[in-house]
Amino acid sequence: MLRSKGIQMLSYRVITPKTYIDWELLFKFAKEMGIQNIVSEPNEEQIPCISKLCNEYQINLAIHNHPKASHYWNLHILLAAVKEASPRNGLVLT
């Protein structure tokens, strides 16, 4: 429907799949839709796998920093989470 209207969805947010298979399905969906950026709040343990998917599908993932009570509310936590990640992993600061 978007294509028929000449619209391209560039970003998709805020979604946080629970398993690697769910992440892979999300990246496949994003690739098919032409989405370039996914905004999420993944578990830190998932970031290495997500980085692999970012590189494989050539799609960026931005970690969202919801307010305190969210795991990523603190900038230092955000920076540490992406320190070893793919250059396609970044931050969305609001």
PDB file of N, CA and C in Angstrom:
ATOM      1  N   MET A   1       0.822  -1.186   0.000  1.00  0.00           N
ATOM      2  CA  MET A   1       0.000   0.000   0.000  1.00  0.00           C
ATOM      3  C   MET A   1       0.874   1.261   0.000  1.00  0.00           C
ATOM      4  N   LEU A   2       1.950   1.247   0.792  1.00  0.00           N
ATOM      5  CA  LEU A   2       2.825   2.414   0.818  1.00  0.00           C
ATOM      6  C   LEU A   2       3.410   2.684  -0.563  1.00  0.00           C
ATOM      7  N   ARG A   3       3.914   1.624  -1.219  1.00  0.00           N
ATOM      8  CA  ARG A   3       4.497   1.802  -2.551  1.00  0.00           C
ATOM      9  C   ARG A   3       3.488   2.368  -3.534  1.00  0.00           C
ATOM     10  N   SER A   4       2.261   1.911  -3.436  1.00  0.00           N
ATOM     11  CA  SER A   4       1.243   2.388  -4.379  1.00  0.00           C
ATOM     12  C   SER A   4       0.962   3.875  -4.205  1.00  0.00           C
ATOM     13  N   LYS A   5       1.290   4.415  -3.039  1.00  0.00           N
ATOM     14  CA  LYS A   5       1.105   5.848  -2.762  1.00  0.00           C
ATOM     15  C   LYS A   5       2.407   6.634  -2.913  1.00  0.00           C
ATOM     16  N   GLY A   6       3.492   5.935  -3.302  1.00  0.00           N
ATOM     17  CA  GLY A   6       4.777   6.600  -3.465  1.00  0.00           C
ATOM     18  C   GLY A   6       5.441   6.965  -2.148  1.00  0.00           C
ATOM     19  N   ILE A   7       5.140   6.188  -1.102  1.00  0.00           N
ATOM     20  CA  ILE A   7       5.683   6.471   0.230  1.00  0.00           C
ATOM     21  C   ILE A   7       6.667   5.370   0.612  1.00  0.00           C
ATOM     22  N   GLN A   8       7.814   5.763   1.188  1.00  0.00           N
ATOM     23  CA  GLN A   8       8.760   4.794   1.720  1.00  0.00           C
ATOM     24  C   GLN A   8       8.903   5.014   3.215  1.00  0.00           C
ATOM     25  N   MET A   9       8.703   3.961   3.972  1.00  0.00           N
ATOM     26  CA  MET A   9       8.898   4.020   5.421  1.00  0.00           C
ATOM     27  C   MET A   9      10.392   3.862   5.688  1.00  0.00           C
ATOM     28  N   LEU A  10      11.019   4.879   6.250  1.00  0.00           N
ATOM     29  CA  LEU A  10      12.458   4.839   6.492  1.00  0.00           C
ATOM     30  C   LEU A  10      12.812   4.268   7.857  1.00  0.00           C
ATOM     31  N   SER A  11      11.936   4.459   8.836  1.00  0.00           N
ATOM     32  CA  SER A  11      12.222   4.012  10.198  1.00  0.00           C
ATOM     33  C   SER A  11      11.022   3.298  10.782  1.00  0.00           C
ATOM     34  N   TYR A  12      11.310   2.388  11.703  1.00  0.00           N
ATOM     35  CA  TYR A  12      10.279   1.598  12.363  1.00  0.00           C
ATOM     36  C   TYR A  12      10.612   1.587  13.848  1.00  0.00           C
ATOM     37  N   ARG A  13       9.644   1.958  14.697  1.00  0.00           N
ATOM     38  CA  ARG A  13       9.943   2.047  16.123  1.00  0.00           C
ATOM     39  C   ARG A  13       8.737   1.752  16.967  1.00  0.00           C
ATOM     40  N   VAL A  14       8.853   1.691  18.209  1.00  0.00           N
ATOM     41  CA  VAL A  14       9.868   1.138  19.074  1.00  0.00           C
ATOM     42  C   VAL A  14       9.457  -0.307  19.288  1.00  0.00           C
ATOM     43  N   ILE A  15      10.290  -1.216  18.851  1.00  0.00           N
ATOM     44  CA  ILE A  15       9.978  -2.636  18.927  1.00  0.00           C
ATOM     45  C   ILE A  15      11.157  -3.353  19.565  1.00  0.00           C
ATOM     46  N   THR A  16      10.875  -4.356  20.388  1.00  0.00           N
ATOM     47  CA  THR A  16      11.935  -5.086  21.067  1.00  0.00           C
ATOM     48  C   THR A  16      11.617  -6.580  21.061  1.00  0.00           C
ATOM     49  N   PRO A  17      12.013  -7.265  19.990  1.00  0.00           N
ATOM     50  CA  PRO A  17      11.813  -8.712  19.962  1.00  0.00           C
ATOM     51  C   PRO A  17      12.540  -9.400  21.114  1.00  0.00           C
ATOM     52  N   LYS A  18      12.042 -10.557  21.476  1.00  0.00           N
ATOM     53  CA  LYS A  18      12.593 -11.270  22.635  1.00  0.00           C
ATOM     54  C   LYS A  18      13.668 -12.290  22.259  1.00  0.00           C
ATOM     55  N   THR A  19      13.563 -12.920  21.092  1.00  0.00           N
ATOM     56  CA  THR A  19      14.497 -13.983  20.713  1.00  0.00           C
ATOM     57  C   THR A  19      15.250 -13.603  19.441  1.00  0.00           C
ATOM     58  N   TYR A  20      16.342 -14.327  19.190  1.00  0.00           N
ATOM     59  CA  TYR A  20      17.118 -14.085  17.975  1.00  0.00           C
ATOM     60  C   TYR A  20      16.265 -14.321  16.737  1.00  0.00           C
ATOM     61  N   ILE A  21      15.452 -15.362  16.757  1.00  0.00           N
ATOM     62  CA  ILE A  21      14.577 -15.655  15.611  1.00  0.00           C
ATOM     63  C   ILE A  21      13.628 -14.491  15.364  1.00  0.00           C
ATOM     64  N   ASP A  22      13.070 -13.932  16.427  1.00  0.00           N
ATOM     65  CA  ASP A  22      12.176 -12.780  16.278  1.00  0.00           C
ATOM     66  C   ASP A  22      12.919 -11.572  15.720  1.00  0.00           C
ATOM     67  N   TRP A  23      14.159 -11.361  16.163  1.00  0.00           N
ATOM     68  CA  TRP A  23      14.972 -10.266  15.612  1.00  0.00           C
ATOM     69  C   TRP A  23      15.215 -10.487  14.126  1.00  0.00           C
ATOM     70  N   GLU A  24      15.543 -11.714  13.770  1.00  0.00           N
ATOM     71  CA  GLU A  24      15.803 -12.009  12.361  1.00  0.00           C
ATOM     72  C   GLU A  24      14.555 -11.772  11.510  1.00  0.00           C
ATOM     73  N   LEU A  25      13.405 -12.174  12.013  1.00  0.00           N
ATOM     74  CA  LEU A  25      12.154 -11.917  11.297  1.00  0.00           C
ATOM     75  C   LEU A  25      11.905 -10.415  11.133  1.00  0.00           C
ATOM     76  N   LEU A  26      12.219  -9.647  12.172  1.00  0.00           N
ATOM     77  CA  LEU A  26      12.072  -8.195  12.096  1.00  0.00           C
ATOM     78  C   LEU A  26      12.979  -7.612  11.016  1.00  0.00           C
ATOM     79  N   PHE A  27      14.236  -8.052  10.969  1.00  0.00           N
ATOM     80  CA  PHE A  27      15.162  -7.540   9.960  1.00  0.00           C
ATOM     81  C   PHE A  27      14.730  -7.945   8.554  1.00  0.00           C
ATOM     82  N   LYS A  28      14.220  -9.163   8.388  1.00  0.00           N
ATOM     83  CA  LYS A  28      13.709  -9.587   7.077  1.00  0.00           C
ATOM     84  C   LYS A  28      12.536  -8.700   6.661  1.00  0.00           C
ATOM     85  N   PHE A  29      11.616  -8.451   7.585  1.00  0.00           N
ATOM     86  CA  PHE A  29      10.476  -7.567   7.326  1.00  0.00           C
ATOM     87  C   PHE A  29      10.965  -6.178   6.927  1.00  0.00           C
ATOM     88  N   ALA A  30      11.911  -5.643   7.706  1.00  0.00           N
ATOM     89  CA  ALA A  30      12.435  -4.298   7.435  1.00  0.00           C
ATOM     90  C   ALA A  30      13.077  -4.239   6.061  1.00  0.00           C
ATOM     91  N   LYS A  31      13.843  -5.255   5.700  1.00  0.00           N
ATOM     92  CA  LYS A  31      14.503  -5.281   4.388  1.00  0.00           C
ATOM     93  C   LYS A  31      13.465  -5.282   3.276  1.00  0.00           C
ATOM     94  N   GLU A  32      12.439  -6.117   3.411  1.00  0.00           N
ATOM     95  CA  GLU A  32      11.380  -6.193   2.398  1.00  0.00           C
ATOM     96  C   GLU A  32      10.632  -4.872   2.264  1.00  0.00           C
ATOM     97  N   MET A  33      10.488  -4.147   3.360  1.00  0.00           N
ATOM     98  CA  MET A  33       9.767  -2.868   3.347  1.00  0.00           C
ATOM     99  C   MET A  33      10.657  -1.695   2.924  1.00  0.00           C
ATOM    100  N   GLY A  34      11.968  -1.925   2.822  1.00  0.00           N
ATOM    101  CA  GLY A  34      12.875  -0.833   2.493  1.00  0.00           C
ATOM    102  C   GLY A  34      13.188   0.065   3.680  1.00  0.00           C
ATOM    103  N   ILE A  35      12.939  -0.439   4.880  1.00  0.00           N
ATOM    104  CA  ILE A  35      13.198   0.321   6.107  1.00  0.00           C
ATOM    105  C   ILE A  35      14.707   0.378   6.337  1.00  0.00           C
ATOM    106  N   GLN A  36      15.203   1.557   6.672  1.00  0.00           N
ATOM    107  CA  GLN A  36      16.637   1.748   6.877  1.00  0.00           C
ATOM    108  C   GLN A  36      17.038   1.772   8.352  1.00  0.00           C
ATOM    109  N   ASN A  37      16.083   2.048   9.231  1.00  0.00           N
ATOM    110  CA  ASN A  37      16.381   2.224  10.653  1.00  0.00           C
ATOM    111  C   ASN A  37      15.309   1.554  11.507  1.00  0.00           C
ATOM    112  N   ILE A  38      15.764   0.845  12.536  1.00  0.00           N
ATOM    113  CA  ILE A  38      14.868   0.269  13.530  1.00  0.00           C
ATOM    114  C   ILE A  38      15.222   0.913  14.867  1.00  0.00           C
ATOM    115  N   VAL A  39      14.219   1.363  15.591  1.00  0.00           N
ATOM    116  CA  VAL A  39      14.424   1.942  16.917  1.00  0.00           C
ATOM    117  C   VAL A  39      13.940   0.919  17.939  1.00  0.00           C
ATOM    118  N   SER A  40      14.756   0.662  18.951  1.00  0.00           N
ATOM    119  CA  SER A  40      14.432  -0.401  19.894  1.00  0.00           C
ATOM    120  C   SER A  40      15.096  -0.146  21.239  1.00  0.00           C
ATOM    121  N   GLU A  41      14.766  -0.997  22.201  1.00  0.00           N
ATOM    122  CA  GLU A  41      15.427  -1.029  23.508  1.00  0.00           C
ATOM    123  C   GLU A  41      15.803  -2.482  23.794  1.00  0.00           C
ATOM    124  N   PRO A  42      16.782  -3.014  23.048  1.00  0.00           N
ATOM    125  CA  PRO A  42      17.121  -4.429  23.210  1.00  0.00           C
ATOM    126  C   PRO A  42      17.833  -4.714  24.524  1.00  0.00           C
ATOM    127  N   ASN A  43      17.781  -5.964  24.932  1.00  0.00           N
ATOM    128  CA  ASN A  43      18.597  -6.392  26.062  1.00  0.00           C
ATOM    129  C   ASN A  43      20.055  -6.286  25.638  1.00  0.00           C
ATOM    130  N   GLU A  44      20.900  -5.858  26.544  1.00  0.00           N
ATOM    131  CA  GLU A  44      22.315  -5.699  26.209  1.00  0.00           C
ATOM    132  C   GLU A  44      22.930  -7.002  25.696  1.00  0.00           C
ATOM    133  N   GLU A  45      22.480  -8.133  26.215  1.00  0.00           N
ATOM    134  CA  GLU A  45      23.017  -9.422  25.784  1.00  0.00           C
ATOM    135  C   GLU A  45      22.723  -9.694  24.314  1.00  0.00           C
ATOM    136  N   GLN A  46      21.692  -9.067  23.767  1.00  0.00           N
ATOM    137  CA  GLN A  46      21.299  -9.291  22.370  1.00  0.00           C
ATOM    138  C   GLN A  46      22.096  -8.435  21.387  1.00  0.00           C
ATOM    139  N   ILE A  47      22.789  -7.435  21.851  1.00  0.00           N
ATOM    140  CA  ILE A  47      23.431  -6.476  20.953  1.00  0.00           C
ATOM    141  C   ILE A  47      24.443  -7.129  20.010  1.00  0.00           C
ATOM    142  N   PRO A  48      25.289  -8.077  20.440  1.00  0.00           N
ATOM    143  CA  PRO A  48      26.184  -8.706  19.464  1.00  0.00           C
ATOM    144  C   PRO A  48      25.442  -9.388  18.308  1.00  0.00           C
ATOM    145  N   CYS A  49      24.359 -10.088  18.615  1.00  0.00           N
ATOM    146  CA  CYS A  49      23.566 -10.735  17.558  1.00  0.00           C
ATOM    147  C   CYS A  49      22.865  -9.709  16.683  1.00  0.00           C
ATOM    148  N   ILE A  50      22.368  -8.658  17.302  1.00  0.00           N
ATOM    149  CA  ILE A  50      21.705  -7.599  16.550  1.00  0.00           C
ATOM    150  C   ILE A  50      22.712  -6.901  15.628  1.00  0.00           C
ATOM    151  N   SER A  51      23.932  -6.700  16.120  1.00  0.00           N
ATOM    152  CA  SER A  51      24.978  -6.092  15.289  1.00  0.00           C
ATOM    153  C   SER A  51      25.228  -6.926  14.042  1.00  0.00           C
ATOM    154  N   LYS A  52      25.251  -8.240  14.222  1.00  0.00           N
ATOM    155  CA  LYS A  52      25.431  -9.146  13.085  1.00  0.00           C
ATOM    156  C   LYS A  52      24.296  -8.962  12.071  1.00  0.00           C
ATOM    157  N   LEU A  53      23.059  -8.880  12.568  1.00  0.00           N
ATOM    158  CA  LEU A  53      21.919  -8.683  11.675  1.00  0.00           C
ATOM    159  C   LEU A  53      21.968  -7.318  10.994  1.00  0.00           C
ATOM    160  N   CYS A  54      22.391  -6.297  11.739  1.00  0.00           N
ATOM    161  CA  CYS A  54      22.526  -4.958  11.147  1.00  0.00           C
ATOM    162  C   CYS A  54      23.471  -5.000   9.956  1.00  0.00           C
ATOM    163  N   ASN A  55      24.600  -5.651  10.127  1.00  0.00           N
ATOM    164  CA  ASN A  55      25.587  -5.742   9.051  1.00  0.00           C
ATOM    165  C   ASN A  55      25.075  -6.590   7.891  1.00  0.00           C
ATOM    166  N   GLU A  56      24.457  -7.715   8.213  1.00  0.00           N
ATOM    167  CA  GLU A  56      23.952  -8.623   7.189  1.00  0.00           C
ATOM    168  C   GLU A  56      22.864  -7.970   6.330  1.00  0.00           C
ATOM    169  N   TYR A  57      21.939  -7.275   6.978  1.00  0.00           N
ATOM    170  CA  TYR A  57      20.808  -6.682   6.257  1.00  0.00           C
ATOM    171  C   TYR A  57      21.039  -5.227   5.860  1.00  0.00           C
ATOM    172  N   GLN A  58      22.176  -4.648   6.304  1.00  0.00           N
ATOM    173  CA  GLN A  58      22.495  -3.248   6.012  1.00  0.00           C
ATOM    174  C   GLN A  58      21.396  -2.307   6.514  1.00  0.00           C
ATOM    175  N   ILE A  59      20.956  -2.573   7.754  1.00  0.00           N
ATOM    176  CA  ILE A  59      19.912  -1.789   8.413  1.00  0.00           C
ATOM    177  C   ILE A  59      20.471  -1.295   9.743  1.00  0.00           C
ATOM    178  N   ASN A  60      20.189  -0.054  10.074  1.00  0.00           N
ATOM    179  CA  ASN A  60      20.663   0.547  11.318  1.00  0.00           C
ATOM    180  C   ASN A  60      19.705   0.234  12.465  1.00  0.00           C
ATOM    181  N   LEU A  61      20.266   0.117  13.672  1.00  0.00           N
ATOM    182  CA  LEU A  61      19.452  -0.022  14.871  1.00  0.00           C
ATOM    183  C   LEU A  61      19.824   1.101  15.826  1.00  0.00           C
ATOM    184  N   ALA A  62      18.841   1.861  16.230  1.00  0.00           N
ATOM    185  CA  ALA A  62      19.049   2.949  17.192  1.00  0.00           C
ATOM    186  C   ALA A  62      18.401   2.556  18.513  1.00  0.00           C
ATOM    187  N   ILE A  63      19.179   2.632  19.576  1.00  0.00           N
ATOM    188  CA  ILE A  63      18.657   2.318  20.901  1.00  0.00           C
ATOM    189  C   ILE A  63      18.013   3.579  21.461  1.00  0.00           C
ATOM    190  N   HIS A  64      16.778   3.445  21.881  1.00  0.00           N
ATOM    191  CA  HIS A  64      15.997   4.574  22.395  1.00  0.00           C
ATOM    192  C   HIS A  64      16.228   4.714  23.895  1.00  0.00           C
ATOM    193  N   ASN A  65      16.330   5.958  24.337  1.00  0.00           N
ATOM    194  CA  ASN A  65      16.565   6.208  25.768  1.00  0.00           C
ATOM    195  C   ASN A  65      15.304   6.748  26.439  1.00  0.00           C
ATOM    196  N   HIS A  66      14.354   5.870  26.671  1.00  0.00           N
ATOM    197  CA  HIS A  66      13.176   6.295  27.412  1.00  0.00           C
ATOM    198  C   HIS A  66      13.603   6.848  28.772  1.00  0.00           C
ATOM    199  N   PRO A  67      12.728   7.578  29.448  1.00  0.00           N
ATOM    200  CA  PRO A  67      13.076   8.171  30.752  1.00  0.00           C
ATOM    201  C   PRO A  67      13.437   7.116  31.797  1.00  0.00           C
ATOM    202  N   LYS A  68      13.932   7.612  32.937  1.00  0.00           N
ATOM    203  CA  LYS A  68      14.335   6.754  34.051  1.00  0.00           C
ATOM    204  C   LYS A  68      13.248   5.733  34.355  1.00  0.00           C
ATOM    205  N   ALA A  69      13.699   4.591  34.705  1.00  0.00           N
ATOM    206  CA  ALA A  69      12.935   3.352  34.867  1.00  0.00           C
ATOM    207  C   ALA A  69      13.218   2.463  33.671  1.00  0.00           C
ATOM    208  N   SER A  70      13.511   3.058  32.507  1.00  0.00           N
ATOM    209  CA  SER A  70      13.995   2.302  31.360  1.00  0.00           C
ATOM    210  C   SER A  70      15.467   1.964  31.609  1.00  0.00           C
ATOM    211  N   HIS A  71      15.903   0.832  31.135  1.00  0.00           N
ATOM    212  CA  HIS A  71      17.294   0.426  31.319  1.00  0.00           C
ATOM    213  C   HIS A  71      18.267   1.437  30.717  1.00  0.00           C
ATOM    214  N   TYR A  72      17.896   2.048  29.609  1.00  0.00           N
ATOM    215  CA  TYR A  72      18.807   2.937  28.888  1.00  0.00           C
ATOM    216  C   TYR A  72      18.589   4.419  29.189  1.00  0.00           C
ATOM    217  N   TRP A  73      18.042   4.740  30.327  1.00  0.00           N
ATOM    218  CA  TRP A  73      17.784   6.156  30.641  1.00  0.00           C
ATOM    219  C   TRP A  73      19.077   6.932  30.821  1.00  0.00           C
ATOM    220  N   ASN A  74      20.156   6.254  31.205  1.00  0.00           N
ATOM    221  CA  ASN A  74      21.434   6.897  31.502  1.00  0.00           C
ATOM    222  C   ASN A  74      22.351   6.829  30.279  1.00  0.00           C
ATOM    223  N   LEU A  75      22.886   7.970  29.853  1.00  0.00           N
ATOM    224  CA  LEU A  75      23.745   8.042  28.676  1.00  0.00           C
ATOM    225  C   LEU A  75      24.950   7.116  28.795  1.00  0.00           C
ATOM    226  N   HIS A  76      25.510   6.960  29.987  1.00  0.00           N
ATOM    227  CA  HIS A  76      26.675   6.094  30.175  1.00  0.00           C
ATOM    228  C   HIS A  76      26.329   4.631  29.889  1.00  0.00           C
ATOM    229  N   ILE A  77      25.129   4.221  30.260  1.00  0.00           N
ATOM    230  CA  ILE A  77      24.677   2.858  29.972  1.00  0.00           C
ATOM    231  C   ILE A  77      24.521   2.677  28.464  1.00  0.00           C
ATOM    232  N   LEU A  78      23.934   3.664  27.810  1.00  0.00           N
ATOM    233  CA  LEU A  78      23.772   3.615  26.355  1.00  0.00           C
ATOM    234  C   LEU A  78      25.111   3.491  25.646  1.00  0.00           C
ATOM    235  N   LEU A  79      26.048   4.340  26.003  1.00  0.00           N
ATOM    236  CA  LEU A  79      27.359   4.335  25.345  1.00  0.00           C
ATOM    237  C   LEU A  79      28.092   3.021  25.577  1.00  0.00           C
ATOM    238  N   ALA A  80      28.001   2.488  26.782  1.00  0.00           N
ATOM    239  CA  ALA A  80      28.641   1.207  27.078  1.00  0.00           C
ATOM    240  C   ALA A  80      28.003   0.079  26.270  1.00  0.00           C
ATOM    241  N   ALA A  81      26.702   0.151  26.070  1.00  0.00           N
ATOM    242  CA  ALA A  81      25.989  -0.903  25.349  1.00  0.00           C
ATOM    243  C   ALA A  81      26.419  -1.000  23.895  1.00  0.00           C
ATOM    244  N   VAL A  82      26.760   0.112  23.276  1.00  0.00           N
ATOM    245  CA  VAL A  82      27.116   0.105  21.846  1.00  0.00           C
ATOM    246  C   VAL A  82      28.621   0.226  21.609  1.00  0.00           C
ATOM    247  N   LYS A  83      29.391   0.244  22.654  1.00  0.00           N
ATOM    248  CA  LYS A  83      30.841   0.437  22.532  1.00  0.00           C
ATOM    249  C   LYS A  83      31.482  -0.575  21.580  1.00  0.00           C
ATOM    250  N   GLU A  84      31.129  -1.828  21.679  1.00  0.00           N
ATOM    251  CA  GLU A  84      31.713  -2.889  20.846  1.00  0.00           C
ATOM    252  C   GLU A  84      30.786  -3.301  19.708  1.00  0.00           C
ATOM    253  N   ALA A  85      29.700  -2.582  19.517  1.00  0.00           N
ATOM    254  CA  ALA A  85      28.687  -2.963  18.529  1.00  0.00           C
ATOM    255  C   ALA A  85      29.082  -2.517  17.124  1.00  0.00           C
ATOM    256  N   SER A  86      28.331  -2.983  16.182  1.00  0.00           N
ATOM    257  CA  SER A  86      28.500  -2.571  14.789  1.00  0.00           C
ATOM    258  C   SER A  86      28.336  -1.057  14.673  1.00  0.00           C
ATOM    259  N   PRO A  87      29.021  -0.429  13.735  1.00  0.00           N
ATOM    260  CA  PRO A  87      28.787   0.999  13.497  1.00  0.00           C
ATOM    261  C   PRO A  87      27.340   1.295  13.116  1.00  0.00           C
ATOM    262  N   ARG A  88      26.594   0.274  12.751  1.00  0.00           N
ATOM    263  CA  ARG A  88      25.178   0.440  12.415  1.00  0.00           C
ATOM    264  C   ARG A  88      24.295   0.502  13.658  1.00  0.00           C
ATOM    265  N   ASN A  89      24.884   0.274  14.839  1.00  0.00           N
ATOM    266  CA  ASN A  89      24.146   0.435  16.095  1.00  0.00           C
ATOM    267  C   ASN A  89      24.451   1.818  16.656  1.00  0.00           C
ATOM    268  N   GLY A  90      23.406   2.524  17.018  1.00  0.00           N
ATOM    269  CA  GLY A  90      23.594   3.858  17.547  1.00  0.00           C
ATOM    270  C   GLY A  90      22.571   4.176  18.614  1.00  0.00           C
ATOM    271  N   LEU A  91      22.352   5.460  18.823  1.00  0.00           N
ATOM    272  CA  LEU A  91      21.478   5.933  19.895  1.00  0.00           C
ATOM    273  C   LEU A  91      20.448   6.909  19.342  1.00  0.00           C
ATOM    274  N   VAL A  92      19.298   6.916  19.973  1.00  0.00           N
ATOM    275  CA  VAL A  92      18.286   7.935  19.745  1.00  0.00           C
ATOM    276  C   VAL A  92      18.124   8.646  21.075  1.00  0.00           C
ATOM    277  N   LEU A  93      18.489   9.883  21.144  1.00  0.00           N
ATOM    278  CA  LEU A  93      18.400  10.628  22.397  1.00  0.00           C
ATOM    279  C   LEU A  93      17.204  11.555  22.341  1.00  0.00           C
ATOM    280  N   THR A  94      16.338  11.424  23.340  1.00  0.00           N
ATOM    281  CA  THR A  94      15.154  12.291  23.379  1.00  0.00           C
ATOM    282  C   THR A  94      15.084  13.016  24.696  1.00  0.00           C
TER     283      THR A  94
END
